[in-house]
Amino acid sequence: MENEKTALILVDVQKAFDDPKWGQRNNPEAEENMERILKRWREKGGFTIHIQHQSENPESLFHPAKESFAIKKSVLPVNDEPVITKKVNSAFIGTDLEQQLKANRITAVIIAGLTTPHCVSTTTRMSGNLGFNTYLVSDATAAFDMTDQNGVHYDAETVHAISLATLHEEFATVLTTEQLIERLG
């Protein structure tokens, strides 16, 4: 990370995920960690891209007409930080994210956001597949409880841990907020 041009990508840090419909969530300090990372990143003059999920369904919490579409206050974009809207799980599909990274000569990305098994995982996988040296911040993302196709229930912490395990060393280097801040100096 030290010798690479790096971007911070914050994925779907939107008010929609505060809705109780999602159920139990792990890592209640994820947004606080994202805010700490973003503050340190801005102090260093780092390049940040915000990703915002946008649904065309007017009933969706991610529809632009809904207040829940908004990016959370703790990580609101400032100045000229780009905001890329996406319609699918990957921030690379149907957007100019890859082009923006390449235009800025970015070779590494730091990913944080919501939620671990969905848009964070999909974006992380594609980032690694596209050749970016990818870092995923484990405690700056979170998951919700899930039930599988057989009706087996998995608690949010298990979903989160397995999601991270499937990404580490295959698509990304998984590290904590403290480890990242230490690397940033």
N, C-alpha and C. Protein backbone atom coordinates (compact mmCIF):
# COMPACT_ATOMS: atom_id res chain seq x y z
N MET A 1 0.83 -1.20 0.00
CA MET A 1 0.00 0.00 0.00
C MET A 1 0.87 1.26 0.00
N GLU A 2 2.04 1.19 0.61
CA GLU A 2 2.90 2.37 0.74
C GLU A 2 3.38 2.89 -0.61
N ASN A 3 3.73 1.99 -1.53
CA ASN A 3 4.29 2.39 -2.81
C ASN A 3 3.26 2.41 -3.93
N GLU A 4 1.99 2.32 -3.58
CA GLU A 4 0.94 2.27 -4.58
C GLU A 4 0.05 3.50 -4.45
N LYS A 5 -0.55 3.88 -5.56
CA LYS A 5 -1.56 4.93 -5.51
C LYS A 5 -2.88 4.23 -5.15
N THR A 6 -3.45 4.64 -4.04
CA THR A 6 -4.58 3.93 -3.44
C THR A 6 -5.82 4.81 -3.37
N ALA A 7 -6.98 4.20 -3.52
CA ALA A 7 -8.27 4.87 -3.34
C ALA A 7 -9.04 4.19 -2.22
N LEU A 8 -9.80 4.98 -1.49
CA LEU A 8 -10.74 4.46 -0.50
C LEU A 8 -12.11 4.41 -1.17
N ILE A 9 -12.75 3.23 -1.12
CA ILE A 9 -14.09 3.07 -1.69
C ILE A 9 -15.05 2.73 -0.56
N LEU A 10 -16.02 3.60 -0.35
CA LEU A 10 -17.05 3.37 0.67
C LEU A 10 -18.33 2.93 -0.04
N VAL A 11 -18.73 1.70 0.24
CA VAL A 11 -19.84 1.05 -0.47
C VAL A 11 -21.15 1.13 0.31
N ASP A 12 -22.13 1.77 -0.27
CA ASP A 12 -23.53 1.74 0.21
C ASP A 12 -23.70 2.08 1.69
N VAL A 13 -23.02 3.10 2.16
CA VAL A 13 -23.17 3.51 3.56
C VAL A 13 -24.40 4.42 3.60
N GLN A 14 -25.56 3.80 3.49
CA GLN A 14 -26.81 4.52 3.33
C GLN A 14 -27.77 4.29 4.50
N LYS A 15 -28.64 5.27 4.70
CA LYS A 15 -29.62 5.21 5.79
C LYS A 15 -30.54 4.00 5.67
N ALA A 16 -30.69 3.46 4.48
CA ALA A 16 -31.57 2.30 4.25
C ALA A 16 -31.23 1.15 5.19
N PHE A 17 -29.95 1.00 5.52
CA PHE A 17 -29.53 -0.12 6.37
C PHE A 17 -29.86 0.10 7.85
N ASP A 18 -30.42 1.25 8.19
CA ASP A 18 -30.88 1.48 9.57
C ASP A 18 -32.29 0.94 9.78
N ASP A 19 -32.95 0.55 8.72
CA ASP A 19 -34.32 0.06 8.81
C ASP A 19 -34.36 -1.28 9.55
N PRO A 20 -35.31 -1.45 10.48
CA PRO A 20 -35.39 -2.71 11.23
C PRO A 20 -35.72 -3.93 10.38
N LYS A 21 -36.18 -3.74 9.15
CA LYS A 21 -36.56 -4.87 8.30
C LYS A 21 -35.40 -5.83 8.05
N TRP A 22 -34.16 -5.36 8.17
CA TRP A 22 -33.00 -6.20 7.90
C TRP A 22 -32.74 -7.21 9.00
N GLY A 23 -33.25 -6.96 10.20
CA GLY A 23 -33.04 -7.89 11.32
C GLY A 23 -31.78 -7.56 12.10
N GLN A 24 -31.27 -8.58 12.79
CA GLN A 24 -30.10 -8.41 13.67
C GLN A 24 -28.84 -8.19 12.86
N ARG A 25 -28.02 -7.26 13.32
CA ARG A 25 -26.77 -6.92 12.64
C ARG A 25 -25.60 -7.09 13.60
N ASN A 26 -24.45 -7.43 13.06
CA ASN A 26 -23.24 -7.46 13.87
C ASN A 26 -22.51 -6.12 13.73
N ASN A 27 -21.41 -5.99 14.44
CA ASN A 27 -20.50 -4.87 14.30
C ASN A 27 -21.18 -3.50 14.31
N PRO A 28 -21.82 -3.14 15.43
CA PRO A 28 -22.50 -1.85 15.50
C PRO A 28 -21.55 -0.66 15.37
N GLU A 29 -20.25 -0.88 15.51
CA GLU A 29 -19.29 0.22 15.39
C GLU A 29 -18.71 0.38 13.98
N ALA A 30 -19.28 -0.32 13.01
CA ALA A 30 -18.76 -0.26 11.63
C ALA A 30 -18.73 1.17 11.09
N GLU A 31 -19.81 1.91 11.24
CA GLU A 31 -19.85 3.28 10.72
C GLU A 31 -18.86 4.18 11.44
N GLU A 32 -18.70 3.97 12.74
CA GLU A 32 -17.70 4.74 13.49
C GLU A 32 -16.30 4.46 12.94
N ASN A 33 -16.02 3.21 12.63
CA ASN A 33 -14.72 2.86 12.05
C ASN A 33 -14.56 3.45 10.65
N MET A 34 -15.62 3.42 9.85
CA MET A 34 -15.56 4.05 8.53
C MET A 34 -15.26 5.53 8.65
N GLU A 35 -15.91 6.18 9.61
CA GLU A 35 -15.69 7.60 9.83
C GLU A 35 -14.24 7.88 10.23
N ARG A 36 -13.68 7.05 11.11
CA ARG A 36 -12.27 7.21 11.52
C ARG A 36 -11.33 7.05 10.34
N ILE A 37 -11.59 6.03 9.52
CA ILE A 37 -10.76 5.78 8.34
C ILE A 37 -10.85 6.97 7.38
N LEU A 38 -12.07 7.41 7.12
CA LEU A 38 -12.28 8.51 6.18
C LEU A 38 -11.59 9.79 6.67
N LYS A 39 -11.70 10.07 7.95
CA LYS A 39 -11.05 11.26 8.52
C LYS A 39 -9.54 11.19 8.31
N ARG A 40 -8.94 10.05 8.63
CA ARG A 40 -7.49 9.87 8.46
C ARG A 40 -7.10 9.93 6.98
N TRP A 41 -7.92 9.32 6.13
CA TRP A 41 -7.67 9.30 4.70
C TRP A 41 -7.69 10.72 4.13
N ARG A 42 -8.67 11.50 4.56
CA ARG A 42 -8.76 12.89 4.08
C ARG A 42 -7.57 13.71 4.58
N GLU A 43 -7.14 13.48 5.81
CA GLU A 43 -5.96 14.18 6.35
C GLU A 43 -4.73 13.92 5.48
N LYS A 44 -4.65 12.71 4.93
CA LYS A 44 -3.52 12.34 4.09
C LYS A 44 -3.71 12.77 2.62
N GLY A 45 -4.87 13.36 2.33
CA GLY A 45 -5.14 13.80 0.97
C GLY A 45 -5.48 12.67 0.03
N GLY A 46 -6.00 11.56 0.58
CA GLY A 46 -6.31 10.39 -0.23
C GLY A 46 -7.54 10.57 -1.11
N PHE A 47 -7.58 9.80 -2.19
CA PHE A 47 -8.67 9.82 -3.15
C PHE A 47 -9.78 8.90 -2.64
N THR A 48 -10.99 9.43 -2.54
CA THR A 48 -12.13 8.68 -2.02
C THR A 48 -13.24 8.63 -3.06
N ILE A 49 -13.87 7.46 -3.18
CA ILE A 49 -15.05 7.31 -4.03
C ILE A 49 -16.17 6.72 -3.16
N HIS A 50 -17.33 7.35 -3.23
CA HIS A 50 -18.52 6.88 -2.51
C HIS A 50 -19.41 6.13 -3.50
N ILE A 51 -19.89 4.97 -3.08
CA ILE A 51 -20.80 4.18 -3.90
C ILE A 51 -22.18 4.25 -3.24
N GLN A 52 -23.20 4.45 -4.05
CA GLN A 52 -24.56 4.57 -3.53
C GLN A 52 -25.49 3.67 -4.35
N HIS A 53 -26.14 2.73 -3.66
CA HIS A 53 -27.05 1.82 -4.35
C HIS A 53 -28.35 2.55 -4.67
N GLN A 54 -28.82 2.39 -5.90
CA GLN A 54 -30.04 3.05 -6.35
C GLN A 54 -30.97 2.03 -6.98
N SER A 55 -32.16 1.92 -6.42
CA SER A 55 -33.17 1.01 -6.96
C SER A 55 -34.17 1.80 -7.80
N GLU A 56 -34.69 1.16 -8.84
CA GLU A 56 -35.74 1.77 -9.65
C GLU A 56 -37.13 1.48 -9.07
N ASN A 57 -37.20 0.56 -8.09
CA ASN A 57 -38.46 0.20 -7.46
C ASN A 57 -38.85 1.29 -6.45
N PRO A 58 -39.97 1.98 -6.67
CA PRO A 58 -40.37 3.06 -5.77
C PRO A 58 -40.62 2.62 -4.32
N GLU A 59 -40.83 1.31 -4.11
CA GLU A 59 -41.04 0.79 -2.76
C GLU A 59 -39.73 0.50 -2.02
N SER A 60 -38.64 0.45 -2.73
CA SER A 60 -37.35 0.10 -2.15
C SER A 60 -36.81 1.21 -1.26
N LEU A 61 -36.15 0.81 -0.19
CA LEU A 61 -35.47 1.77 0.68
C LEU A 61 -34.33 2.48 -0.05
N PHE A 62 -33.91 1.91 -1.19
CA PHE A 62 -32.81 2.48 -1.97
C PHE A 62 -33.30 3.30 -3.16
N HIS A 63 -34.60 3.61 -3.20
CA HIS A 63 -35.11 4.46 -4.27
C HIS A 63 -34.73 5.91 -3.96
N PRO A 64 -34.27 6.67 -4.97
CA PRO A 64 -33.80 8.04 -4.72
C PRO A 64 -34.84 8.99 -4.13
N ALA A 65 -36.11 8.67 -4.26
CA ALA A 65 -37.15 9.53 -3.68
C ALA A 65 -37.28 9.35 -2.17
N LYS A 66 -36.68 8.28 -1.65
CA LYS A 66 -36.79 7.98 -0.22
C LYS A 66 -35.63 8.61 0.55
N GLU A 67 -35.92 9.06 1.78
CA GLU A 67 -34.88 9.62 2.65
C GLU A 67 -33.80 8.57 2.95
N SER A 68 -34.20 7.31 2.99
CA SER A 68 -33.27 6.23 3.30
C SER A 68 -32.22 6.00 2.20
N PHE A 69 -32.41 6.60 1.03
CA PHE A 69 -31.43 6.52 -0.07
C PHE A 69 -30.14 7.27 0.29
N ALA A 70 -30.25 8.26 1.17
CA ALA A 70 -29.13 9.16 1.48
C ALA A 70 -27.94 8.43 2.11
N ILE A 71 -26.76 8.95 1.81
CA ILE A 71 -25.53 8.48 2.46
C ILE A 71 -25.55 8.96 3.90
N LYS A 72 -25.10 8.10 4.81
CA LYS A 72 -25.10 8.45 6.23
C LYS A 72 -24.20 9.66 6.50
N LYS A 73 -24.65 10.48 7.44
CA LYS A 73 -23.99 11.74 7.77
C LYS A 73 -22.51 11.57 8.13
N SER A 74 -22.18 10.49 8.81
CA SER A 74 -20.81 10.29 9.28
C SER A 74 -19.78 10.15 8.17
N VAL A 75 -20.24 9.80 6.96
CA VAL A 75 -19.31 9.61 5.84
C VAL A 75 -19.76 10.39 4.59
N LEU A 76 -20.49 11.46 4.79
CA LEU A 76 -20.96 12.24 3.65
C LEU A 76 -19.79 12.71 2.78
N PRO A 77 -19.97 12.66 1.46
CA PRO A 77 -18.93 13.17 0.57
C PRO A 77 -18.71 14.67 0.78
N VAL A 78 -17.47 15.09 0.62
CA VAL A 78 -17.13 16.51 0.70
C VAL A 78 -16.38 16.90 -0.56
N ASN A 79 -16.38 18.20 -0.81
CA ASN A 79 -15.65 18.79 -1.93
C ASN A 79 -15.94 18.04 -3.23
N ASP A 80 -14.91 17.52 -3.85
CA ASP A 80 -15.10 16.89 -5.16
C ASP A 80 -15.04 15.36 -5.09
N GLU A 81 -15.30 14.78 -3.92
CA GLU A 81 -15.30 13.32 -3.81
C GLU A 81 -16.43 12.76 -4.67
N PRO A 82 -16.10 11.91 -5.65
CA PRO A 82 -17.14 11.39 -6.53
C PRO A 82 -18.10 10.44 -5.81
N VAL A 83 -19.35 10.48 -6.26
CA VAL A 83 -20.38 9.54 -5.82
C VAL A 83 -20.83 8.79 -7.07
N ILE A 84 -20.71 7.48 -7.02
CA ILE A 84 -21.11 6.63 -8.14
C ILE A 84 -22.35 5.86 -7.72
N THR A 85 -23.42 5.96 -8.49
CA THR A 85 -24.61 5.17 -8.19
C THR A 85 -24.56 3.88 -9.00
N LYS A 86 -25.04 2.82 -8.36
CA LYS A 86 -25.05 1.51 -9.00
C LYS A 86 -26.43 0.90 -8.82
N LYS A 87 -26.74 -0.07 -9.67
CA LYS A 87 -28.06 -0.72 -9.61
C LYS A 87 -27.95 -2.20 -9.27
N VAL A 88 -26.73 -2.73 -9.20
CA VAL A 88 -26.51 -4.14 -8.88
C VAL A 88 -25.50 -4.23 -7.73
N ASN A 89 -25.18 -5.45 -7.31
CA ASN A 89 -24.28 -5.62 -6.16
C ASN A 89 -22.89 -5.07 -6.39
N SER A 90 -22.32 -5.28 -7.56
CA SER A 90 -20.96 -4.83 -7.81
C SER A 90 -20.92 -3.36 -8.19
N ALA A 91 -20.03 -2.63 -7.54
CA ALA A 91 -19.83 -1.21 -7.87
C ALA A 91 -19.14 -1.04 -9.22
N PHE A 92 -18.67 -2.13 -9.82
CA PHE A 92 -17.99 -2.06 -11.11
C PHE A 92 -18.92 -2.28 -12.31
N ILE A 93 -20.10 -2.87 -12.07
CA ILE A 93 -21.01 -3.21 -13.16
C ILE A 93 -21.95 -2.03 -13.45
N GLY A 94 -21.96 -1.59 -14.71
CA GLY A 94 -22.86 -0.51 -15.10
C GLY A 94 -22.45 0.86 -14.59
N THR A 95 -21.20 1.00 -14.16
CA THR A 95 -20.69 2.28 -13.65
C THR A 95 -19.34 2.58 -14.30
N ASP A 96 -18.80 3.73 -14.00
CA ASP A 96 -17.47 4.08 -14.51
C ASP A 96 -16.40 3.96 -13.42
N LEU A 97 -16.66 3.13 -12.40
CA LEU A 97 -15.70 3.00 -11.30
C LEU A 97 -14.32 2.58 -11.80
N GLU A 98 -14.26 1.52 -12.60
CA GLU A 98 -12.96 1.06 -13.08
C GLU A 98 -12.25 2.16 -13.88
N GLN A 99 -13.00 2.86 -14.72
CA GLN A 99 -12.41 3.93 -15.52
C GLN A 99 -11.88 5.06 -14.64
N GLN A 100 -12.64 5.42 -13.59
CA GLN A 100 -12.18 6.48 -12.68
C GLN A 100 -10.90 6.06 -11.96
N LEU A 101 -10.84 4.80 -11.52
CA LEU A 101 -9.64 4.32 -10.85
C LEU A 101 -8.44 4.37 -11.80
N LYS A 102 -8.63 3.88 -13.00
CA LYS A 102 -7.53 3.86 -13.97
C LYS A 102 -7.12 5.28 -14.39
N ALA A 103 -8.10 6.17 -14.57
CA ALA A 103 -7.79 7.55 -14.94
C ALA A 103 -6.97 8.25 -13.87
N ASN A 104 -7.14 7.83 -12.62
CA ASN A 104 -6.40 8.41 -11.50
C ASN A 104 -5.16 7.58 -11.15
N ARG A 105 -4.82 6.62 -12.01
CA ARG A 105 -3.65 5.75 -11.86
C ARG A 105 -3.65 4.98 -10.53
N ILE A 106 -4.85 4.60 -10.08
CA ILE A 106 -5.02 3.85 -8.84
C ILE A 106 -4.64 2.39 -9.11
N THR A 107 -3.81 1.82 -8.23
CA THR A 107 -3.43 0.41 -8.35
C THR A 107 -3.90 -0.41 -7.15
N ALA A 108 -4.33 0.28 -6.09
CA ALA A 108 -4.79 -0.41 -4.88
C ALA A 108 -6.05 0.28 -4.37
N VAL A 109 -6.94 -0.51 -3.76
CA VAL A 109 -8.15 0.06 -3.18
C VAL A 109 -8.36 -0.47 -1.77
N ILE A 110 -8.92 0.39 -0.94
CA ILE A 110 -9.34 0.03 0.41
C ILE A 110 -10.87 0.06 0.36
N ILE A 111 -11.51 -1.03 0.78
CA ILE A 111 -12.97 -1.11 0.72
C ILE A 111 -13.55 -1.24 2.12
N ALA A 112 -14.59 -0.45 2.36
CA ALA A 112 -15.39 -0.53 3.58
C ALA A 112 -16.82 -0.23 3.17
N GLY A 113 -17.79 -0.59 4.00
CA GLY A 113 -19.17 -0.28 3.67
C GLY A 113 -20.14 -1.36 4.09
N LEU A 114 -21.30 -1.36 3.44
CA LEU A 114 -22.38 -2.26 3.81
C LEU A 114 -22.93 -2.95 2.56
N THR A 115 -23.29 -4.19 2.69
CA THR A 115 -23.07 -5.16 3.75
C THR A 115 -22.01 -6.17 3.30
N THR A 116 -21.42 -6.84 4.27
CA THR A 116 -20.29 -7.73 4.00
C THR A 116 -20.61 -8.80 2.96
N PRO A 117 -21.69 -9.59 3.09
CA PRO A 117 -21.89 -10.69 2.14
C PRO A 117 -22.47 -10.25 0.79
N HIS A 118 -22.85 -9.02 0.66
CA HIS A 118 -23.52 -8.59 -0.57
C HIS A 118 -22.64 -7.65 -1.38
N CYS A 119 -22.95 -6.36 -1.36
CA CYS A 119 -22.25 -5.42 -2.23
C CYS A 119 -20.77 -5.24 -1.88
N VAL A 120 -20.43 -5.35 -0.61
CA VAL A 120 -19.02 -5.26 -0.22
C VAL A 120 -18.25 -6.45 -0.78
N SER A 121 -18.78 -7.65 -0.60
CA SER A 121 -18.13 -8.85 -1.10
C SER A 121 -18.02 -8.84 -2.62
N THR A 122 -19.11 -8.51 -3.31
CA THR A 122 -19.12 -8.53 -4.77
C THR A 122 -18.14 -7.50 -5.33
N THR A 123 -18.12 -6.32 -4.75
CA THR A 123 -17.18 -5.27 -5.20
C THR A 123 -15.75 -5.69 -4.92
N THR A 124 -15.51 -6.29 -3.76
CA THR A 124 -14.17 -6.76 -3.40
C THR A 124 -13.69 -7.84 -4.36
N ARG A 125 -14.54 -8.79 -4.66
CA ARG A 125 -14.19 -9.87 -5.60
C ARG A 125 -13.82 -9.30 -6.97
N MET A 126 -14.65 -8.40 -7.47
CA MET A 126 -14.37 -7.83 -8.79
C MET A 126 -13.10 -6.98 -8.77
N SER A 127 -12.88 -6.24 -7.70
CA SER A 127 -11.67 -5.44 -7.58
C SER A 127 -10.43 -6.32 -7.70
N GLY A 128 -10.44 -7.42 -6.97
CA GLY A 128 -9.33 -8.37 -7.04
C GLY A 128 -9.19 -8.98 -8.42
N ASN A 129 -10.33 -9.35 -9.02
CA ASN A 129 -10.31 -9.95 -10.36
C ASN A 129 -9.80 -8.97 -11.42
N LEU A 130 -10.06 -7.70 -11.22
CA LEU A 130 -9.62 -6.68 -12.19
C LEU A 130 -8.15 -6.29 -11.99
N GLY A 131 -7.52 -6.87 -10.97
CA GLY A 131 -6.09 -6.65 -10.79
C GLY A 131 -5.71 -5.56 -9.80
N PHE A 132 -6.68 -5.00 -9.11
CA PHE A 132 -6.36 -4.01 -8.08
C PHE A 132 -5.90 -4.73 -6.82
N ASN A 133 -4.87 -4.22 -6.19
CA ASN A 133 -4.44 -4.75 -4.89
C ASN A 133 -5.50 -4.27 -3.90
N THR A 134 -6.27 -5.19 -3.37
CA THR A 134 -7.48 -4.85 -2.63
C THR A 134 -7.34 -5.14 -1.15
N TYR A 135 -7.74 -4.16 -0.33
CA TYR A 135 -7.75 -4.29 1.13
C TYR A 135 -9.18 -4.11 1.60
N LEU A 136 -9.67 -5.03 2.40
CA LEU A 136 -11.01 -4.96 2.95
C LEU A 136 -10.91 -4.80 4.45
N VAL A 137 -11.57 -3.79 4.99
CA VAL A 137 -11.48 -3.48 6.42
C VAL A 137 -12.59 -4.22 7.16
N SER A 138 -12.20 -5.25 7.91
CA SER A 138 -13.15 -6.20 8.52
C SER A 138 -14.12 -5.57 9.51
N ASP A 139 -13.67 -4.58 10.26
CA ASP A 139 -14.55 -3.98 11.26
C ASP A 139 -15.14 -2.65 10.79
N ALA A 140 -15.03 -2.39 9.49
CA ALA A 140 -15.67 -1.23 8.88
C ALA A 140 -16.68 -1.72 7.84
N THR A 141 -17.25 -2.86 8.13
CA THR A 141 -18.35 -3.43 7.36
C THR A 141 -19.17 -4.28 8.33
N ALA A 142 -20.34 -4.70 7.91
CA ALA A 142 -21.21 -5.46 8.81
C ALA A 142 -22.17 -6.32 7.99
N ALA A 143 -22.76 -7.28 8.68
CA ALA A 143 -23.72 -8.20 8.06
C ALA A 143 -24.98 -8.29 8.91
N PHE A 144 -26.00 -8.85 8.32
CA PHE A 144 -27.25 -9.12 9.03
C PHE A 144 -27.46 -10.62 9.10
N ASP A 145 -28.30 -11.06 10.05
CA ASP A 145 -28.69 -12.47 10.11
C ASP A 145 -29.25 -12.90 8.75
N MET A 146 -29.05 -14.19 8.44
CA MET A 146 -29.57 -14.72 7.17
C MET A 146 -30.13 -16.12 7.40
N THR A 147 -31.08 -16.49 6.54
CA THR A 147 -31.62 -17.84 6.53
C THR A 147 -31.38 -18.41 5.15
N ASP A 148 -30.83 -19.62 5.09
CA ASP A 148 -30.48 -20.20 3.79
C ASP A 148 -31.68 -20.89 3.13
N GLN A 149 -31.43 -21.50 1.99
CA GLN A 149 -32.47 -22.14 1.19
C GLN A 149 -33.11 -23.34 1.89
N ASN A 150 -32.45 -23.87 2.94
CA ASN A 150 -32.98 -25.01 3.70
C ASN A 150 -33.64 -24.58 5.01
N GLY A 151 -33.74 -23.27 5.20
CA GLY A 151 -34.36 -22.75 6.41
C GLY A 151 -33.41 -22.69 7.60
N VAL A 152 -32.12 -22.90 7.37
CA VAL A 152 -31.13 -22.82 8.45
C VAL A 152 -30.78 -21.36 8.68
N HIS A 153 -30.85 -20.95 9.94
CA HIS A 153 -30.59 -19.56 10.32
C HIS A 153 -29.11 -19.39 10.70
N TYR A 154 -28.52 -18.31 10.22
CA TYR A 154 -27.13 -17.97 10.55
C TYR A 154 -27.11 -16.59 11.17
N ASP A 155 -26.47 -16.46 12.32
CA ASP A 155 -26.39 -15.16 12.98
C ASP A 155 -25.45 -14.25 12.19
N ALA A 156 -25.62 -12.95 12.36
CA ALA A 156 -24.87 -11.95 11.60
C ALA A 156 -23.36 -12.10 11.76
N GLU A 157 -22.90 -12.43 12.95
CA GLU A 157 -21.45 -12.56 13.16
C GLU A 157 -20.88 -13.72 12.35
N THR A 158 -21.61 -14.82 12.26
CA THR A 158 -21.18 -15.96 11.46
C THR A 158 -21.17 -15.60 9.97
N VAL A 159 -22.23 -14.95 9.50
CA VAL A 159 -22.31 -14.53 8.10
C VAL A 159 -21.12 -13.62 7.77
N HIS A 160 -20.85 -12.68 8.65
CA HIS A 160 -19.74 -11.72 8.47
C HIS A 160 -18.40 -12.45 8.42
N ALA A 161 -18.17 -13.32 9.39
CA ALA A 161 -16.88 -14.03 9.48
C ALA A 161 -16.65 -14.92 8.26
N ILE A 162 -17.66 -15.65 7.83
CA ILE A 162 -17.49 -16.53 6.67
C ILE A 162 -17.30 -15.70 5.40
N SER A 163 -18.03 -14.60 5.28
CA SER A 163 -17.85 -13.72 4.12
C SER A 163 -16.41 -13.23 4.03
N LEU A 164 -15.87 -12.78 5.16
CA LEU A 164 -14.48 -12.30 5.18
C LEU A 164 -13.51 -13.44 4.85
N ALA A 165 -13.76 -14.61 5.39
CA ALA A 165 -12.88 -15.76 5.15
C ALA A 165 -12.83 -16.14 3.67
N THR A 166 -13.96 -16.01 2.97
CA THR A 166 -13.98 -16.36 1.55
C THR A 166 -13.24 -15.34 0.69
N LEU A 167 -13.01 -14.15 1.22
CA LEU A 167 -12.34 -13.09 0.47
C LEU A 167 -10.84 -13.01 0.76
N HIS A 168 -10.47 -13.29 2.01
CA HIS A 168 -9.09 -13.09 2.44
C HIS A 168 -8.11 -13.97 1.67
N GLU A 169 -7.07 -13.35 1.17
CA GLU A 169 -5.97 -13.97 0.44
C GLU A 169 -6.37 -14.51 -0.93
N GLU A 170 -7.64 -14.51 -1.25
CA GLU A 170 -8.09 -14.92 -2.59
C GLU A 170 -8.38 -13.69 -3.43
N PHE A 171 -9.10 -12.73 -2.85
CA PHE A 171 -9.48 -11.51 -3.56
C PHE A 171 -8.94 -10.26 -2.91
N ALA A 172 -8.59 -10.35 -1.64
CA ALA A 172 -8.19 -9.16 -0.88
C ALA A 172 -7.37 -9.54 0.33
N THR A 173 -6.74 -8.53 0.90
CA THR A 173 -6.12 -8.66 2.22
C THR A 173 -7.12 -8.07 3.21
N VAL A 174 -7.57 -8.88 4.14
CA VAL A 174 -8.52 -8.42 5.14
C VAL A 174 -7.73 -7.92 6.35
N LEU A 175 -8.03 -6.69 6.77
CA LEU A 175 -7.38 -6.12 7.95
C LEU A 175 -8.37 -5.30 8.75
N THR A 176 -7.98 -4.94 9.97
CA THR A 176 -8.86 -4.16 10.85
C THR A 176 -8.60 -2.66 10.63
N THR A 177 -9.47 -1.86 11.20
CA THR A 177 -9.30 -0.41 11.16
C THR A 177 -7.96 -0.02 11.76
N GLU A 178 -7.64 -0.60 12.92
CA GLU A 178 -6.35 -0.27 13.57
C GLU A 178 -5.16 -0.65 12.70
N GLN A 179 -5.20 -1.81 12.08
CA GLN A 179 -4.11 -2.24 11.21
C GLN A 179 -3.99 -1.30 10.01
N LEU A 180 -5.12 -0.87 9.45
CA LEU A 180 -5.10 0.05 8.32
C LEU A 180 -4.51 1.40 8.74
N ILE A 181 -4.99 1.96 9.83
CA ILE A 181 -4.51 3.27 10.28
C ILE A 181 -3.01 3.21 10.59
N GLU A 182 -2.57 2.10 11.16
CA GLU A 182 -1.13 1.91 11.40
C GLU A 182 -0.34 1.93 10.09
N ARG A 183 -0.86 1.24 9.07
CA ARG A 183 -0.20 1.23 7.76
C ARG A 183 -0.19 2.61 7.11
N LEU A 184 -1.23 3.38 7.37
CA LEU A 184 -1.30 4.71 6.77
C LEU A 184 -0.33 5.69 7.43
N GLY A 185 0.12 5.35 8.63
CA GLY A 185 1.10 6.19 9.32
C GLY A 185 0.50 7.38 10.00
